Every structure is written in structure tokens, then in C-alpha cells.
Amino acid sequence: MQYFFYILRCADNSLYSGVTTDLNRRLSEHNGDGNKGAKYTRSHRPVQLVHTEQYEGRSAALRRESEVKNMTKEEKEKLLK
């Protein structure tokens, strides 16, 4: 199964990252479609998808998410360029 690691830019210019199998559904949830968006993004809407990476397995996508979450904001911004 394909998993996506993604980064969202929130309305306050903060960054949020996550992992999903369906990018469109997850972006919609983060922007208020239903009650499944992350608690963080609920108070930082609207959010915009700014980066994605595709992985074959969930564990690889989660490892990448962990790597990126340990980066500074400056390092994350460089990744987005």
C-alpha cells in the first residue's frame, strides 16, 4: 500500500506534518470536513498542502515524518524549496 508523508502550511505560516494513504481526503479533513482533522490544524485553518513524499510502507513514511519533525523550522523551509 502507498503511504504519503505530507507537510501543510497553516494560516499562521506554521508547518504541520503527517502520514496518510489518501492525501485529498486528509487535506479536506484538516480543513474542516468532518471531525477527523488534527487538533492542531483545527485552530490554524485554512491549511495548504506544500510538500509530499510517497513511500511503499507505513513504517518508512513514519520514519520520514519523525526525521522532519526533528528539524528546525529553517531546515523544514529549505526542504520545501
C-alpha atoms as a PDB file:
ATOM      1  CA  MET A   1       0.000   0.000   0.000  1.00  0.00           C
ATOM      2  CA  GLN A   2       1.198   3.509  -0.792  1.00  0.00           C
ATOM      3  CA  TYR A   3       1.664   5.948   2.081  1.00  0.00           C
ATOM      4  CA  PHE A   4       2.267   9.655   1.803  1.00  0.00           C
ATOM      5  CA  PHE A   5       4.264  11.840   4.126  1.00  0.00           C
ATOM      6  CA  TYR A   6       2.962  15.388   3.805  1.00  0.00           C
ATOM      7  CA  ILE A   7       3.588  18.898   5.085  1.00  0.00           C
ATOM      8  CA  LEU A   8       0.877  21.521   5.418  1.00  0.00           C
ATOM      9  CA  ARG A   9       1.337  25.264   5.762  1.00  0.00           C
ATOM     10  CA  CYS A  10      -1.191  26.692   8.208  1.00  0.00           C
ATOM     11  CA  ALA A  11      -2.826  30.127   8.083  1.00  0.00           C
ATOM     12  CA  ASP A  12      -0.326  31.473  10.652  1.00  0.00           C
ATOM     13  CA  ASN A  13       2.609  30.218   8.490  1.00  0.00           C
ATOM     14  CA  SER A  14       3.358  27.319  10.866  1.00  0.00           C
ATOM     15  CA  LEU A  15       4.030  23.864   9.415  1.00  0.00           C
ATOM     16  CA  TYR A  16       2.229  20.609  10.218  1.00  0.00           C
ATOM     17  CA  SER A  17       3.280  17.163   9.020  1.00  0.00           C
ATOM     18  CA  GLY A  18       1.577  13.807   8.891  1.00  0.00           C
ATOM     19  CA  VAL A  19       1.171  10.463   7.117  1.00  0.00           C
ATOM     20  CA  THR A  20      -1.826   9.190   5.152  1.00  0.00           C
ATOM     21  CA  THR A  21      -2.927   6.843   2.381  1.00  0.00           C
ATOM     22  CA  ASP A  22      -5.296   9.424   0.831  1.00  0.00           C
ATOM     23  CA  LEU A  23      -3.965  12.984   0.512  1.00  0.00           C
ATOM     24  CA  ASN A  24      -7.171  14.576  -0.783  1.00  0.00           C
ATOM     25  CA  ARG A  25      -9.309  13.124   1.999  1.00  0.00           C
ATOM     26  CA  ARG A  26      -6.805  14.065   4.695  1.00  0.00           C
ATOM     27  CA  LEU A  27      -6.398  17.636   3.444  1.00  0.00           C
ATOM     28  CA  SER A  28     -10.170  18.001   3.407  1.00  0.00           C
ATOM     29  CA  GLU A  29     -10.366  16.700   6.991  1.00  0.00           C
ATOM     30  CA  HIS A  30      -7.679  19.133   8.160  1.00  0.00           C
ATOM     31  CA  ASN A  31      -9.646  21.982   6.580  1.00  0.00           C
ATOM     32  CA  GLY A  32     -12.820  21.122   8.456  1.00  0.00           C
ATOM     33  CA  ASP A  33     -14.630  18.399   6.525  1.00  0.00           C
ATOM     34  CA  GLY A  34     -15.902  16.257   9.399  1.00  0.00           C
ATOM     35  CA  ASN A  35     -14.312  15.946  12.837  1.00  0.00           C
ATOM     36  CA  LYS A  36     -11.200  13.989  11.882  1.00  0.00           C
ATOM     37  CA  GLY A  37      -8.714  16.816  11.340  1.00  0.00           C
ATOM     38  CA  ALA A  38      -5.844  17.088  13.779  1.00  0.00           C
ATOM     39  CA  LYS A  39      -6.424  19.163  16.893  1.00  0.00           C
ATOM     40  CA  TYR A  40      -3.553  21.453  15.891  1.00  0.00           C
ATOM     41  CA  THR A  41      -4.907  22.246  12.439  1.00  0.00           C
ATOM     42  CA  ARG A  42      -8.414  22.959  13.764  1.00  0.00           C
ATOM     43  CA  SER A  43      -7.152  26.210  15.266  1.00  0.00           C
ATOM     44  CA  HIS A  44      -4.768  27.059  12.402  1.00  0.00           C
ATOM     45  CA  ARG A  45      -7.075  26.877   9.371  1.00  0.00           C
ATOM     46  CA  PRO A  46      -7.056  27.066   6.480  1.00  0.00           C
ATOM     47  CA  VAL A  47      -4.172  24.768   5.671  1.00  0.00           C
ATOM     48  CA  GLN A  48      -2.457  24.264   2.335  1.00  0.00           C
ATOM     49  CA  LEU A  49      -0.564  21.210   1.105  1.00  0.00           C
ATOM     50  CA  VAL A  50       3.035  22.275   0.368  1.00  0.00           C
ATOM     51  CA  HIS A  51       5.054  19.026   0.237  1.00  0.00           C
ATOM     52  CA  THR A  52       4.510  15.301  -0.294  1.00  0.00           C
ATOM     53  CA  GLU A  53       6.695  12.213  -0.455  1.00  0.00           C
ATOM     54  CA  GLN A  54       5.462   8.737  -1.354  1.00  0.00           C
ATOM     55  CA  TYR A  55       6.545   5.525   0.421  1.00  0.00           C
ATOM     56  CA  GLU A  56       5.806   1.824  -0.043  1.00  0.00           C
ATOM     57  CA  GLY A  57       5.108   1.147   3.627  1.00  0.00           C
ATOM     58  CA  ARG A  58       3.725   2.913   6.662  1.00  0.00           C
ATOM     59  CA  SER A  59       6.889   2.447   8.719  1.00  0.00           C
ATOM     60  CA  ALA A  60       9.058   4.214   6.101  1.00  0.00           C
ATOM     61  CA  ALA A  61       6.632   7.139   5.944  1.00  0.00           C
ATOM     62  CA  LEU A  62       6.536   7.395   9.749  1.00  0.00           C
ATOM     63  CA  ARG A  63      10.347   7.338   9.916  1.00  0.00           C
ATOM     64  CA  ARG A  64      10.471  10.235   7.475  1.00  0.00           C
ATOM     65  CA  GLU A  65       7.866  12.131   9.487  1.00  0.00           C
ATOM     66  CA  SER A  66       9.987  11.664  12.610  1.00  0.00           C
ATOM     67  CA  GLU A  67      13.088  12.953  10.797  1.00  0.00           C
ATOM     68  CA  VAL A  68      11.288  16.068   9.614  1.00  0.00           C
ATOM     69  CA  LYS A  69       9.670  16.754  12.990  1.00  0.00           C
ATOM     70  CA  ASN A  70      13.167  16.851  14.488  1.00  0.00           C
ATOM     71  CA  MET A  71      14.264  19.529  12.009  1.00  0.00           C
ATOM     72  CA  THR A  72      14.273  23.221  12.817  1.00  0.00           C
ATOM     73  CA  LYS A  73      11.768  25.466  11.065  1.00  0.00           C
ATOM     74  CA  GLU A  74      14.625  26.810   8.928  1.00  0.00           C
ATOM     75  CA  GLU A  75      15.591  23.289   7.822  1.00  0.00           C
ATOM     76  CA  LYS A  76      11.973  22.497   7.001  1.00  0.00           C
ATOM     77  CA  GLU A  77      11.678  25.661   4.901  1.00  0.00           C
ATOM     78  CA  LYS A  78      14.803  24.613   2.945  1.00  0.00           C
ATOM     79  CA  LEU A  79      13.188  21.225   2.299  1.00  0.00           C
ATOM     80  CA  LEU A  80      10.146  22.966   0.832  1.00  0.00           C
ATOM     81  CA  LYS A  81      12.213  24.947  -1.695  1.00  0.00           C
END
